[in-house]
Amino acid sequence: MVTSRDKAASGHKKDPAWKHNTQVDVRGSDKSNVYPKCNYCDKVVKGGVTRMKEHLSGSHKNVAPCPKVPDIIKEEIKTYMNKSIISKHLAQKQFENKVDVGFYYESERSRRDSSSSMNLISCRGARDPMDHYMVQTS
């Protein structure tokens, strides 16, 4: 059974895809799931707003492109998706630059005490928190 559901506080959602779909409850045998439904072709897209953007823009293989979406909407969604990709690449580049200068690998104390036989190393990622304190160097 598919029932329509009002979008909660749609004013705070900045993604343009929210303007072109309606959320619907799809009731299964055990539970109910909420999926976006295209306002143009009534296709229920399982996978969330990202997959809905792919449906509206017709740019990916993950979902069938919408045959009824206006070209101006298609371009708006593509532009939004490209902006998002560019900002992700910029954030990755900034991270790599910080790594290149040693920001993520050395602590302030290890830079000051580099001549000492005891150096601090940083804890990057999911490691034991006790591993990053004092380490003997030879």
N, C-alpha and C. Protein backbone atom coordinates (compact mmCIF):
# COMPACT_ATOMS: atom_id res chain seq x y z
N MET A 1 0.84 -1.17 0.00
CA MET A 1 0.00 0.00 0.00
C MET A 1 0.89 1.25 0.00
N VAL A 2 0.58 2.19 -0.81
CA VAL A 2 1.34 3.43 -0.89
C VAL A 2 0.44 4.57 -0.43
N THR A 3 0.91 5.32 0.57
CA THR A 3 0.15 6.47 1.04
C THR A 3 1.03 7.69 1.00
N SER A 4 0.42 8.85 0.72
CA SER A 4 1.17 10.10 0.65
C SER A 4 1.51 10.58 2.04
N ARG A 5 2.63 11.27 2.15
CA ARG A 5 3.07 11.79 3.44
C ARG A 5 3.53 13.22 3.24
N ASP A 6 3.13 14.13 4.12
CA ASP A 6 3.56 15.52 4.02
C ASP A 6 5.02 15.62 4.38
N LYS A 7 5.73 16.47 3.67
CA LYS A 7 7.13 16.71 4.00
C LYS A 7 7.19 17.56 5.25
N ALA A 8 7.93 17.09 6.24
CA ALA A 8 8.06 17.82 7.49
C ALA A 8 9.04 18.96 7.33
N ALA A 9 8.60 20.16 7.63
CA ALA A 9 9.45 21.35 7.62
C ALA A 9 10.28 21.45 6.34
N SER A 10 9.61 21.43 5.19
CA SER A 10 10.32 21.45 3.92
C SER A 10 11.08 22.74 3.67
N GLY A 11 10.81 23.78 4.44
CA GLY A 11 11.50 25.05 4.26
C GLY A 11 12.98 24.99 4.55
N HIS A 12 13.42 24.06 5.39
CA HIS A 12 14.84 23.98 5.74
C HIS A 12 15.64 23.10 4.80
N LYS A 13 15.00 22.44 3.88
CA LYS A 13 15.70 21.55 2.95
C LYS A 13 16.15 22.36 1.74
N LYS A 14 17.47 22.42 1.53
CA LYS A 14 18.03 23.25 0.47
C LYS A 14 18.16 22.52 -0.86
N ASP A 15 18.14 21.22 -0.84
CA ASP A 15 18.30 20.43 -2.05
C ASP A 15 17.11 20.67 -2.99
N PRO A 16 17.37 21.06 -4.24
CA PRO A 16 16.26 21.36 -5.14
C PRO A 16 15.39 20.15 -5.48
N ALA A 17 15.89 18.96 -5.28
CA ALA A 17 15.11 17.76 -5.59
C ALA A 17 13.88 17.64 -4.71
N TRP A 18 13.91 18.23 -3.52
CA TRP A 18 12.75 18.15 -2.63
C TRP A 18 11.54 18.87 -3.21
N LYS A 19 11.76 19.85 -4.08
CA LYS A 19 10.63 20.57 -4.67
C LYS A 19 9.93 19.74 -5.75
N HIS A 20 10.57 18.68 -6.20
CA HIS A 20 10.05 17.93 -7.34
C HIS A 20 9.66 16.50 -6.99
N ASN A 21 9.46 16.24 -5.70
CA ASN A 21 9.00 14.92 -5.30
C ASN A 21 8.12 15.03 -4.06
N THR A 22 7.40 13.97 -3.80
CA THR A 22 6.56 13.85 -2.61
C THR A 22 7.00 12.60 -1.88
N GLN A 23 7.04 12.67 -0.57
CA GLN A 23 7.41 11.49 0.19
C GLN A 23 6.19 10.59 0.36
N VAL A 24 6.39 9.29 0.18
CA VAL A 24 5.30 8.33 0.33
C VAL A 24 5.73 7.21 1.26
N ASP A 25 4.76 6.69 2.01
CA ASP A 25 5.00 5.52 2.84
C ASP A 25 4.72 4.29 1.99
N VAL A 26 5.67 3.38 1.94
CA VAL A 26 5.48 2.12 1.24
C VAL A 26 5.46 1.05 2.32
N ARG A 27 4.28 0.51 2.54
CA ARG A 27 4.13 -0.48 3.61
C ARG A 27 4.46 -1.87 3.09
N GLY A 28 5.39 -2.51 3.77
CA GLY A 28 5.74 -3.87 3.45
C GLY A 28 5.08 -4.81 4.43
N SER A 29 5.51 -6.05 4.47
CA SER A 29 4.90 -7.02 5.38
C SER A 29 5.29 -6.76 6.83
N ASP A 30 6.53 -6.28 7.06
CA ASP A 30 7.00 -6.07 8.42
C ASP A 30 6.98 -4.61 8.86
N LYS A 31 7.34 -3.71 7.96
CA LYS A 31 7.48 -2.31 8.36
C LYS A 31 7.12 -1.38 7.21
N SER A 32 7.15 -0.09 7.50
CA SER A 32 6.84 0.93 6.50
C SER A 32 8.11 1.71 6.19
N ASN A 33 8.36 1.99 4.93
CA ASN A 33 9.51 2.78 4.51
C ASN A 33 9.01 4.04 3.81
N VAL A 34 9.78 5.12 3.92
CA VAL A 34 9.43 6.38 3.28
C VAL A 34 10.38 6.59 2.10
N TYR A 35 9.80 6.77 0.92
CA TYR A 35 10.58 6.97 -0.29
C TYR A 35 10.07 8.20 -1.04
N PRO A 36 10.92 8.85 -1.85
CA PRO A 36 10.43 9.96 -2.67
C PRO A 36 9.72 9.45 -3.92
N LYS A 37 8.67 10.16 -4.31
CA LYS A 37 7.91 9.83 -5.52
C LYS A 37 7.98 11.03 -6.45
N CYS A 38 8.39 10.82 -7.67
CA CYS A 38 8.55 11.88 -8.66
C CYS A 38 7.21 12.55 -8.95
N ASN A 39 7.22 13.88 -8.95
CA ASN A 39 5.99 14.63 -9.24
C ASN A 39 5.63 14.61 -10.73
N TYR A 40 6.55 14.21 -11.59
CA TYR A 40 6.31 14.26 -13.03
C TYR A 40 5.83 12.92 -13.58
N CYS A 41 6.47 11.82 -13.17
CA CYS A 41 6.11 10.52 -13.74
C CYS A 41 5.55 9.55 -12.69
N ASP A 42 5.44 9.99 -11.43
CA ASP A 42 4.90 9.19 -10.32
C ASP A 42 5.72 7.94 -9.99
N LYS A 43 6.98 7.93 -10.39
CA LYS A 43 7.84 6.80 -10.05
C LYS A 43 8.30 6.92 -8.60
N VAL A 44 8.15 5.84 -7.83
CA VAL A 44 8.65 5.80 -6.46
C VAL A 44 10.09 5.32 -6.53
N VAL A 45 11.01 6.16 -6.05
CA VAL A 45 12.44 5.87 -6.15
C VAL A 45 12.93 5.41 -4.78
N LYS A 46 13.36 4.18 -4.73
CA LYS A 46 13.89 3.65 -3.47
C LYS A 46 15.37 4.00 -3.40
N GLY A 47 15.76 4.73 -2.36
CA GLY A 47 17.15 5.11 -2.21
C GLY A 47 17.35 6.54 -1.77
N GLY A 48 16.29 7.30 -1.60
CA GLY A 48 16.44 8.64 -1.06
C GLY A 48 16.59 9.73 -2.09
N VAL A 49 16.93 10.93 -1.57
CA VAL A 49 16.95 12.12 -2.41
C VAL A 49 18.10 12.07 -3.43
N THR A 50 19.20 11.42 -3.10
CA THR A 50 20.31 11.31 -4.05
C THR A 50 19.87 10.55 -5.29
N ARG A 51 19.20 9.45 -5.09
CA ARG A 51 18.72 8.68 -6.23
C ARG A 51 17.63 9.44 -6.98
N MET A 52 16.83 10.24 -6.25
CA MET A 52 15.81 11.06 -6.92
C MET A 52 16.48 12.10 -7.83
N LYS A 53 17.59 12.69 -7.38
CA LYS A 53 18.32 13.65 -8.22
C LYS A 53 18.85 12.95 -9.47
N GLU A 54 19.32 11.73 -9.32
CA GLU A 54 19.80 10.96 -10.47
C GLU A 54 18.65 10.68 -11.43
N HIS A 55 17.46 10.40 -10.89
CA HIS A 55 16.27 10.15 -11.71
C HIS A 55 15.87 11.41 -12.48
N LEU A 56 15.84 12.55 -11.76
CA LEU A 56 15.42 13.80 -12.40
C LEU A 56 16.42 14.31 -13.43
N SER A 57 17.70 14.15 -13.15
CA SER A 57 18.71 14.65 -14.09
C SER A 57 19.01 13.66 -15.21
N GLY A 58 18.69 12.40 -15.01
CA GLY A 58 18.96 11.39 -16.03
C GLY A 58 20.44 11.15 -16.22
N SER A 59 21.23 11.36 -15.14
CA SER A 59 22.68 11.35 -15.30
C SER A 59 23.38 10.08 -14.82
N HIS A 60 22.66 9.14 -14.25
CA HIS A 60 23.31 7.96 -13.70
C HIS A 60 22.61 6.67 -14.11
N LYS A 61 23.31 5.58 -13.94
CA LYS A 61 22.77 4.27 -14.28
C LYS A 61 21.96 3.66 -13.13
N ASN A 62 22.02 4.28 -11.94
CA ASN A 62 21.38 3.70 -10.76
C ASN A 62 19.87 3.68 -10.83
N VAL A 63 19.30 4.55 -11.66
CA VAL A 63 17.85 4.65 -11.72
C VAL A 63 17.46 5.13 -13.12
N ALA A 64 16.26 4.75 -13.55
CA ALA A 64 15.78 5.15 -14.87
C ALA A 64 15.55 6.66 -14.91
N PRO A 65 15.92 7.32 -16.01
CA PRO A 65 15.68 8.76 -16.11
C PRO A 65 14.19 9.06 -16.25
N CYS A 66 13.79 10.20 -15.75
CA CYS A 66 12.40 10.63 -15.83
C CYS A 66 12.11 11.11 -17.25
N PRO A 67 11.10 10.54 -17.90
CA PRO A 67 10.80 10.96 -19.28
C PRO A 67 10.01 12.26 -19.36
N LYS A 68 9.44 12.72 -18.23
CA LYS A 68 8.55 13.88 -18.28
C LYS A 68 9.10 15.14 -17.62
N VAL A 69 10.29 15.08 -17.05
CA VAL A 69 10.83 16.24 -16.36
C VAL A 69 11.20 17.33 -17.37
N PRO A 70 10.83 18.60 -17.10
CA PRO A 70 11.21 19.69 -18.01
C PRO A 70 12.73 19.88 -18.05
N ASP A 71 13.22 20.34 -19.19
CA ASP A 71 14.66 20.52 -19.37
C ASP A 71 15.26 21.50 -18.36
N ILE A 72 14.54 22.54 -18.01
CA ILE A 72 15.06 23.53 -17.07
C ILE A 72 15.28 22.91 -15.68
N ILE A 73 14.39 22.01 -15.28
CA ILE A 73 14.53 21.32 -14.00
C ILE A 73 15.71 20.36 -14.06
N LYS A 74 15.83 19.67 -15.17
CA LYS A 74 16.93 18.74 -15.37
C LYS A 74 18.28 19.46 -15.23
N GLU A 75 18.38 20.63 -15.84
CA GLU A 75 19.63 21.41 -15.76
C GLU A 75 19.87 21.95 -14.35
N GLU A 76 18.80 22.37 -13.66
CA GLU A 76 18.94 22.84 -12.28
C GLU A 76 19.52 21.74 -11.38
N ILE A 77 19.01 20.54 -11.52
CA ILE A 77 19.47 19.41 -10.71
C ILE A 77 20.91 19.06 -11.06
N LYS A 78 21.25 19.04 -12.35
CA LYS A 78 22.63 18.75 -12.77
C LYS A 78 23.60 19.78 -12.21
N THR A 79 23.22 21.06 -12.27
CA THR A 79 24.07 22.12 -11.74
C THR A 79 24.30 21.95 -10.24
N TYR A 80 23.24 21.64 -9.52
CA TYR A 80 23.35 21.43 -8.07
C TYR A 80 24.27 20.24 -7.76
N MET A 81 24.12 19.17 -8.52
CA MET A 81 24.96 17.99 -8.30
C MET A 81 26.43 18.30 -8.60
N ASN A 82 26.70 19.07 -9.65
CA ASN A 82 28.08 19.44 -9.99
C ASN A 82 28.69 20.32 -8.91
N LYS A 83 27.90 21.27 -8.37
CA LYS A 83 28.39 22.12 -7.29
C LYS A 83 28.78 21.29 -6.08
N SER A 84 27.98 20.32 -5.78
CA SER A 84 28.25 19.43 -4.65
C SER A 84 29.54 18.65 -4.86
N ILE A 85 29.74 18.15 -6.06
CA ILE A 85 30.95 17.39 -6.39
C ILE A 85 32.18 18.29 -6.28
N ILE A 86 32.07 19.52 -6.79
CA ILE A 86 33.20 20.45 -6.73
C ILE A 86 33.57 20.76 -5.29
N SER A 87 32.56 20.99 -4.42
CA SER A 87 32.87 21.30 -3.02
C SER A 87 33.50 20.11 -2.31
N LYS A 88 33.09 18.90 -2.66
CA LYS A 88 33.71 17.71 -2.07
C LYS A 88 35.17 17.58 -2.50
N HIS A 89 35.44 17.84 -3.78
CA HIS A 89 36.82 17.79 -4.26
C HIS A 89 37.69 18.86 -3.61
N LEU A 90 37.12 20.04 -3.41
CA LEU A 90 37.85 21.12 -2.74
C LEU A 90 38.19 20.74 -1.30
N ALA A 91 37.23 20.16 -0.59
CA ALA A 91 37.48 19.73 0.78
C ALA A 91 38.55 18.65 0.82
N GLN A 92 38.55 17.72 -0.13
CA GLN A 92 39.56 16.67 -0.19
C GLN A 92 40.94 17.27 -0.46
N LYS A 93 41.01 18.26 -1.36
CA LYS A 93 42.28 18.91 -1.68
C LYS A 93 42.82 19.65 -0.46
N GLN A 94 41.95 20.34 0.30
CA GLN A 94 42.38 21.03 1.51
C GLN A 94 42.90 20.04 2.54
N PHE A 95 42.25 18.89 2.66
CA PHE A 95 42.72 17.85 3.58
C PHE A 95 44.10 17.35 3.16
N GLU A 96 44.27 17.09 1.87
CA GLU A 96 45.56 16.61 1.38
C GLU A 96 46.67 17.63 1.61
N ASN A 97 46.36 18.91 1.45
CA ASN A 97 47.35 19.96 1.71
C ASN A 97 47.75 19.98 3.18
N LYS A 98 46.79 19.79 4.07
CA LYS A 98 47.10 19.75 5.51
C LYS A 98 47.97 18.53 5.83
N VAL A 99 47.69 17.42 5.18
CA VAL A 99 48.49 16.22 5.41
C VAL A 99 49.92 16.44 4.89
N ASP A 100 50.05 17.10 3.74
CA ASP A 100 51.37 17.35 3.16
C ASP A 100 52.26 18.19 4.07
N VAL A 101 51.68 19.11 4.81
CA VAL A 101 52.49 19.94 5.70
C VAL A 101 52.63 19.33 7.09
N GLY A 102 52.07 18.15 7.29
CA GLY A 102 52.25 17.44 8.55
C GLY A 102 51.23 17.76 9.62
N PHE A 103 50.18 18.47 9.28
CA PHE A 103 49.18 18.87 10.25
C PHE A 103 48.53 17.68 10.94
N TYR A 104 48.25 16.59 10.22
CA TYR A 104 47.55 15.45 10.79
C TYR A 104 48.48 14.40 11.38
N TYR A 105 49.77 14.53 11.21
CA TYR A 105 50.67 13.48 11.66
C TYR A 105 51.53 13.86 12.85
N GLU A 106 51.74 15.12 13.11
CA GLU A 106 52.59 15.54 14.21
C GLU A 106 51.79 16.38 15.18
N SER A 107 52.13 16.27 16.44
CA SER A 107 51.54 17.16 17.42
C SER A 107 52.45 18.36 17.59
N GLU A 108 51.96 19.38 18.26
CA GLU A 108 52.76 20.58 18.48
C GLU A 108 54.00 20.25 19.30
N ARG A 109 53.86 19.37 20.27
CA ARG A 109 54.99 19.04 21.13
C ARG A 109 56.08 18.29 20.37
N SER A 110 55.70 17.41 19.46
CA SER A 110 56.71 16.65 18.72
C SER A 110 57.51 17.56 17.79
N ARG A 111 56.89 18.64 17.31
CA ARG A 111 57.63 19.59 16.47
C ARG A 111 58.65 20.37 17.31
N ARG A 112 58.27 20.72 18.55
CA ARG A 112 59.18 21.46 19.41
C ARG A 112 60.31 20.58 19.92
N ASP A 113 60.02 19.33 20.25
CA ASP A 113 60.99 18.43 20.86
C ASP A 113 61.54 17.41 19.87
N SER A 114 61.76 17.80 18.65
CA SER A 114 62.21 16.85 17.64
C SER A 114 63.60 16.30 17.94
N SER A 115 64.40 17.00 18.74
CA SER A 115 65.72 16.50 19.07
C SER A 115 65.67 15.51 20.23
N SER A 116 64.55 15.44 20.91
CA SER A 116 64.40 14.54 22.06
C SER A 116 64.30 13.09 21.59
N SER A 117 64.66 12.17 22.48
CA SER A 117 64.54 10.75 22.14
C SER A 117 63.10 10.27 22.33
N MET A 118 62.26 11.07 23.00
CA MET A 118 60.85 10.71 23.19
C MET A 118 60.02 11.65 22.32
N ASN A 119 59.26 11.11 21.39
CA ASN A 119 58.42 11.92 20.51
C ASN A 119 56.98 11.49 20.62
N LEU A 120 56.08 12.44 20.43
CA LEU A 120 54.66 12.13 20.36
C LEU A 120 54.30 11.81 18.93
N ILE A 121 53.39 10.87 18.75
CA ILE A 121 52.83 10.64 17.44
C ILE A 121 51.33 10.84 17.56
N SER A 122 50.69 11.21 16.48
CA SER A 122 49.26 11.49 16.56
C SER A 122 48.46 10.22 16.37
N CYS A 123 47.23 10.28 16.83
CA CYS A 123 46.29 9.18 16.65
C CYS A 123 45.35 9.57 15.53
N ARG A 124 45.54 9.04 14.36
CA ARG A 124 44.72 9.36 13.20
C ARG A 124 43.90 8.14 12.85
N GLY A 125 42.60 8.28 12.79
CA GLY A 125 41.74 7.18 12.44
C GLY A 125 41.31 6.40 13.67
N ALA A 126 40.79 5.20 13.45
CA ALA A 126 40.26 4.38 14.53
C ALA A 126 41.38 3.50 15.09
N ARG A 127 42.09 4.04 16.05
CA ARG A 127 43.17 3.31 16.69
C ARG A 127 42.95 3.35 18.19
N ASP A 128 43.73 2.58 18.91
CA ASP A 128 43.67 2.60 20.36
C ASP A 128 44.13 3.97 20.85
N PRO A 129 43.33 4.67 21.66
CA PRO A 129 43.72 6.02 22.09
C PRO A 129 45.02 6.05 22.89
N MET A 130 45.40 4.95 23.50
CA MET A 130 46.62 4.93 24.31
C MET A 130 47.87 4.81 23.43
N ASP A 131 47.73 4.44 22.16
CA ASP A 131 48.87 4.27 21.27
C ASP A 131 49.57 5.57 20.93
N HIS A 132 48.92 6.72 21.11
CA HIS A 132 49.51 7.96 20.63
C HIS A 132 50.27 8.76 21.69
N TYR A 133 50.49 8.22 22.84
CA TYR A 133 51.20 8.99 23.86
C TYR A 133 52.70 8.91 23.66
N MET A 134 53.44 8.30 24.52
CA MET A 134 54.89 8.31 24.40
C MET A 134 55.41 7.06 23.69
N VAL A 135 56.28 7.28 22.74
CA VAL A 135 56.86 6.18 21.98
C VAL A 135 58.37 6.40 21.97
N GLN A 136 59.14 5.35 22.30
CA GLN A 136 60.59 5.43 22.29
C GLN A 136 61.08 5.43 20.86
N THR A 137 62.01 6.30 20.55
CA THR A 137 62.65 6.28 19.24
C THR A 137 64.15 6.03 19.46
N SER A 138 64.75 5.35 18.54
CA SER A 138 66.17 5.04 18.71
C SER A 138 67.04 5.88 17.83
